[in-house]
Amino acid sequence: MAKRTSAQAAETREAILAAARSLFAAQGYAGTSLAGIVEAARVTKGALFHHFDKKEDLFLEVWRQLQIEMDAAAAEAAIRSRSKADPYAAFLAGCRVYLEWSTRPDYQRVVLIDGPAVLGMERWHKLDFELGSENMMRGTEFLARRGHFPLDLARPAALMLQGALNGAGFALSAETPEITPDQAFLTFERLLRGLR
């Protein structure tokens, strides 16, 4: 019986997250009510509060899910793009995925627009770097070990390149007319290759 209860609790949590994700993406954080989430998930308010203490906690989990999914897609693209001829190919493929996700309405709204407003910019950056820095470090260390720049600069390069990608993502989410995803990618590629 306990297993069934545990499975039901997990299903309820997933239903809440799916409903919240859909509503946060469509209506934004401010436009989404807990009552709307409960109704869309077809659960009680008590069930929601069993899993999440407040709306911000639920938002953070949706934000984190999107970031993890994007990170996994970037890592997969990097693996598929490994090239003996071009050591930058895998790193760049993963970065291109991030720029593509920056134009997705759900990722834009939750991660890039509402994320900084709800979480605060300092916390947003801290969480973002915690989630993304491992892939960036792997990329810069790989390039450094192949002589493309000094190994002791791998960490600063990873942090600065992640910041550059975030800046491009924010610009794309703001629909800045002066920048397209392709332009952002080509500019980032020049920055990365310029480290040599």
Protein backbone atom coordinates (compact mmCIF):
# COMPACT_ATOMS: atom_id res chain seq x y z
CA MET A 1 0.00 0.00 0.00
CA ALA A 2 2.84 2.42 0.83
CA LYS A 3 4.31 1.95 -2.66
CA ARG A 4 1.01 2.91 -4.23
CA THR A 5 0.78 5.98 -2.02
CA SER A 6 4.33 6.96 -2.94
CA ALA A 7 3.57 6.46 -6.64
CA GLN A 8 0.38 8.51 -6.34
CA ALA A 9 2.28 11.31 -4.59
CA ALA A 10 4.84 11.32 -7.42
CA GLU A 11 2.03 11.43 -10.01
CA THR A 12 0.37 14.31 -8.18
CA ARG A 13 3.66 16.22 -8.02
CA GLU A 14 4.23 15.69 -11.75
CA ALA A 15 0.68 16.84 -12.56
CA ILE A 16 1.24 20.01 -10.52
CA LEU A 17 4.56 20.69 -12.24
CA ALA A 18 3.12 20.09 -15.71
CA ALA A 19 0.19 22.43 -15.04
CA ALA A 20 2.44 25.09 -13.51
CA ARG A 21 4.90 24.88 -16.39
CA SER A 22 2.15 25.33 -18.96
CA LEU A 23 0.58 28.26 -17.10
CA PHE A 24 3.87 30.00 -16.23
CA ALA A 25 4.89 29.77 -19.89
CA ALA A 26 1.55 31.04 -21.21
CA GLN A 27 0.59 33.63 -18.58
CA GLY A 28 3.83 34.44 -16.80
CA TYR A 29 4.51 34.19 -13.09
CA ALA A 30 2.40 37.20 -12.12
CA GLY A 31 -0.54 36.09 -14.25
CA THR A 32 -0.59 32.56 -12.86
CA SER A 33 -2.52 31.84 -9.68
CA LEU A 34 -2.21 28.84 -7.41
CA ALA A 35 -5.95 28.31 -7.90
CA GLY A 36 -5.36 28.12 -11.66
CA ILE A 37 -2.56 25.60 -11.20
CA VAL A 38 -4.68 23.45 -8.88
CA GLU A 39 -7.56 23.51 -11.35
CA ALA A 40 -5.36 22.65 -14.33
CA ALA A 41 -3.62 19.85 -12.41
CA ARG A 42 -6.96 18.55 -11.06
CA VAL A 43 -5.64 18.37 -7.52
CA THR A 44 -6.54 20.04 -4.25
CA LYS A 45 -4.76 23.05 -2.86
CA GLY A 46 -3.69 20.85 0.04
CA ALA A 47 -1.98 18.49 -2.41
CA LEU A 48 -0.10 21.41 -3.94
CA PHE A 49 1.05 22.65 -0.53
CA HIS A 50 2.08 19.12 0.41
CA HIS A 51 4.73 19.33 -2.35
CA PHE A 52 5.50 23.05 -2.50
CA ASP A 53 5.50 25.58 0.34
CA LYS A 54 4.75 28.56 -1.88
CA LYS A 55 4.32 29.65 -5.50
CA GLU A 56 7.97 30.73 -5.76
CA ASP A 57 9.16 27.23 -4.81
CA LEU A 58 6.97 25.75 -7.53
CA PHE A 59 8.28 28.30 -10.04
CA LEU A 60 11.87 27.50 -9.09
CA GLU A 61 11.27 23.80 -9.74
CA VAL A 62 9.77 24.56 -13.18
CA TRP A 63 12.72 26.90 -13.90
CA ARG A 64 15.16 24.19 -12.84
CA GLN A 65 13.41 21.54 -14.98
CA LEU A 66 13.67 23.72 -18.07
CA GLN A 67 17.34 24.45 -17.39
CA ILE A 68 18.13 20.76 -16.90
CA GLU A 69 16.28 19.80 -20.10
CA MET A 70 18.13 22.47 -22.08
CA ASP A 71 21.45 21.41 -20.56
CA ALA A 72 20.77 17.76 -21.49
CA ALA A 73 19.86 18.74 -25.05
CA ALA A 74 23.07 20.80 -25.31
CA ALA A 75 25.17 17.91 -23.97
CA GLU A 76 23.55 15.51 -26.44
CA ALA A 77 24.21 17.89 -29.34
CA ALA A 78 27.82 18.20 -28.25
CA ILE A 79 28.27 14.42 -28.17
CA ARG A 80 26.74 14.06 -31.65
CA SER A 81 28.97 16.81 -33.02
CA ARG A 82 32.38 15.61 -31.87
CA SER A 83 34.90 16.05 -34.63
CA LYS A 84 38.56 15.14 -34.95
CA ALA A 85 38.94 17.85 -37.59
CA ASP A 86 37.44 20.65 -35.47
CA PRO A 87 37.98 20.51 -31.70
CA TYR A 88 35.51 23.39 -31.26
CA ALA A 89 32.60 21.57 -32.96
CA ALA A 90 31.14 19.83 -29.89
CA PHE A 91 31.42 22.90 -27.65
CA LEU A 92 29.78 25.08 -30.29
CA ALA A 93 26.98 22.59 -30.95
CA GLY A 94 26.00 22.68 -27.28
CA CYS A 95 26.09 26.47 -27.26
CA ARG A 96 23.91 26.63 -30.37
CA VAL A 97 21.27 24.59 -28.55
CA TYR A 98 21.20 27.16 -25.74
CA LEU A 99 20.70 29.98 -28.24
CA GLU A 100 17.89 28.03 -29.94
CA TRP A 101 16.21 27.41 -26.59
CA SER A 102 16.49 31.13 -25.86
CA THR A 103 13.92 31.67 -28.61
CA ARG A 104 11.49 29.02 -27.32
CA PRO A 105 8.46 30.74 -25.73
CA ASP A 106 8.41 28.53 -22.61
CA TYR A 107 12.14 28.85 -21.95
CA GLN A 108 12.11 32.58 -22.68
CA ARG A 109 9.22 33.34 -20.39
CA VAL A 110 10.13 31.14 -17.44
CA VAL A 111 13.94 31.16 -17.47
CA LEU A 112 14.95 34.44 -19.10
CA ILE A 113 12.10 36.87 -18.45
CA ASP A 114 10.36 35.85 -15.22
CA GLY A 115 13.35 33.99 -13.76
CA PRO A 116 15.41 37.08 -12.89
CA ALA A 117 12.31 38.95 -11.68
CA VAL A 118 11.07 36.16 -9.42
CA LEU A 119 14.39 34.78 -8.19
CA GLY A 120 16.37 38.02 -8.23
CA MET A 121 19.29 38.51 -10.59
CA GLU A 122 21.96 37.47 -8.08
CA ARG A 123 20.19 34.21 -7.24
CA TRP A 124 19.35 33.60 -10.92
CA HIS A 125 23.04 33.86 -11.86
CA LYS A 126 24.13 31.65 -8.96
CA LEU A 127 21.66 28.91 -9.87
CA ASP A 128 22.39 29.22 -13.58
CA PHE A 129 26.14 28.90 -13.06
CA GLU A 130 25.65 25.93 -10.73
CA LEU A 131 23.62 24.13 -13.41
CA GLY A 132 25.60 25.10 -16.50
CA SER A 133 29.17 25.54 -15.40
CA GLU A 134 30.02 21.83 -15.50
CA ASN A 135 29.39 21.57 -19.25
CA MET A 136 31.20 24.84 -19.90
CA MET A 137 34.17 23.69 -17.83
CA ARG A 138 34.32 20.39 -19.69
CA GLY A 139 34.40 22.31 -22.96
CA THR A 140 37.06 24.81 -21.98
CA GLU A 141 39.24 22.17 -20.31
CA PHE A 142 39.02 20.02 -23.43
CA LEU A 143 40.20 22.94 -25.58
CA ALA A 144 42.89 23.96 -23.10
CA ARG A 145 44.29 20.41 -22.94
CA ARG A 146 44.61 20.51 -26.71
CA GLY A 147 46.68 23.67 -26.52
CA HIS A 148 44.06 26.22 -27.60
CA PHE A 149 44.68 28.37 -24.51
CA PRO A 150 46.40 27.95 -21.14
CA LEU A 151 44.84 25.37 -18.82
CA ASP A 152 44.83 27.82 -15.90
CA LEU A 153 42.42 29.99 -17.92
CA ALA A 154 39.89 27.17 -18.44
CA ARG A 155 37.71 28.18 -15.46
CA PRO A 156 37.72 31.94 -16.13
CA ALA A 157 37.04 31.20 -19.79
CA ALA A 158 34.09 28.94 -18.87
CA LEU A 159 32.59 31.60 -16.59
CA MET A 160 33.03 34.39 -19.12
CA LEU A 161 31.73 32.32 -22.04
CA GLN A 162 28.70 31.29 -20.00
CA GLY A 163 28.10 34.97 -19.24
CA ALA A 164 28.36 35.80 -22.94
CA LEU A 165 25.82 33.11 -23.79
CA ASN A 166 23.47 34.37 -21.10
CA GLY A 167 23.79 37.90 -22.46
CA ALA A 168 22.88 36.65 -25.92
CA GLY A 169 19.98 34.67 -24.47
CA PHE A 170 18.62 37.75 -22.69
CA ALA A 171 18.95 39.78 -25.89
CA LEU A 172 17.11 37.12 -27.87
CA SER A 173 14.38 36.82 -25.24
CA ALA A 174 13.85 40.58 -25.39
CA GLU A 175 13.43 40.18 -29.16
CA THR A 176 16.13 42.75 -29.77
CA PRO A 177 15.81 43.51 -33.48
CA GLU A 178 19.56 44.00 -33.85
CA ILE A 179 20.35 40.33 -33.11
CA THR A 180 19.21 37.00 -34.50
CA PRO A 181 20.08 33.54 -33.16
CA ASP A 182 22.42 32.99 -36.12
CA GLN A 183 24.20 36.30 -35.52
CA ALA A 184 24.51 35.50 -31.82
CA PHE A 185 25.97 32.09 -32.62
CA LEU A 186 28.47 33.42 -35.17
CA THR A 187 29.60 36.12 -32.75
CA PHE A 188 29.97 33.60 -29.94
CA GLU A 189 31.94 31.29 -32.22
CA ARG A 190 34.37 34.10 -32.99
CA LEU A 191 34.77 34.83 -29.28
CA LEU A 192 35.47 31.18 -28.51
CA ARG A 193 37.89 30.63 -31.36
CA GLY A 194 39.54 33.97 -30.55
CA LEU A 195 40.71 32.61 -27.20
CA ARG A 196 43.48 30.87 -29.10
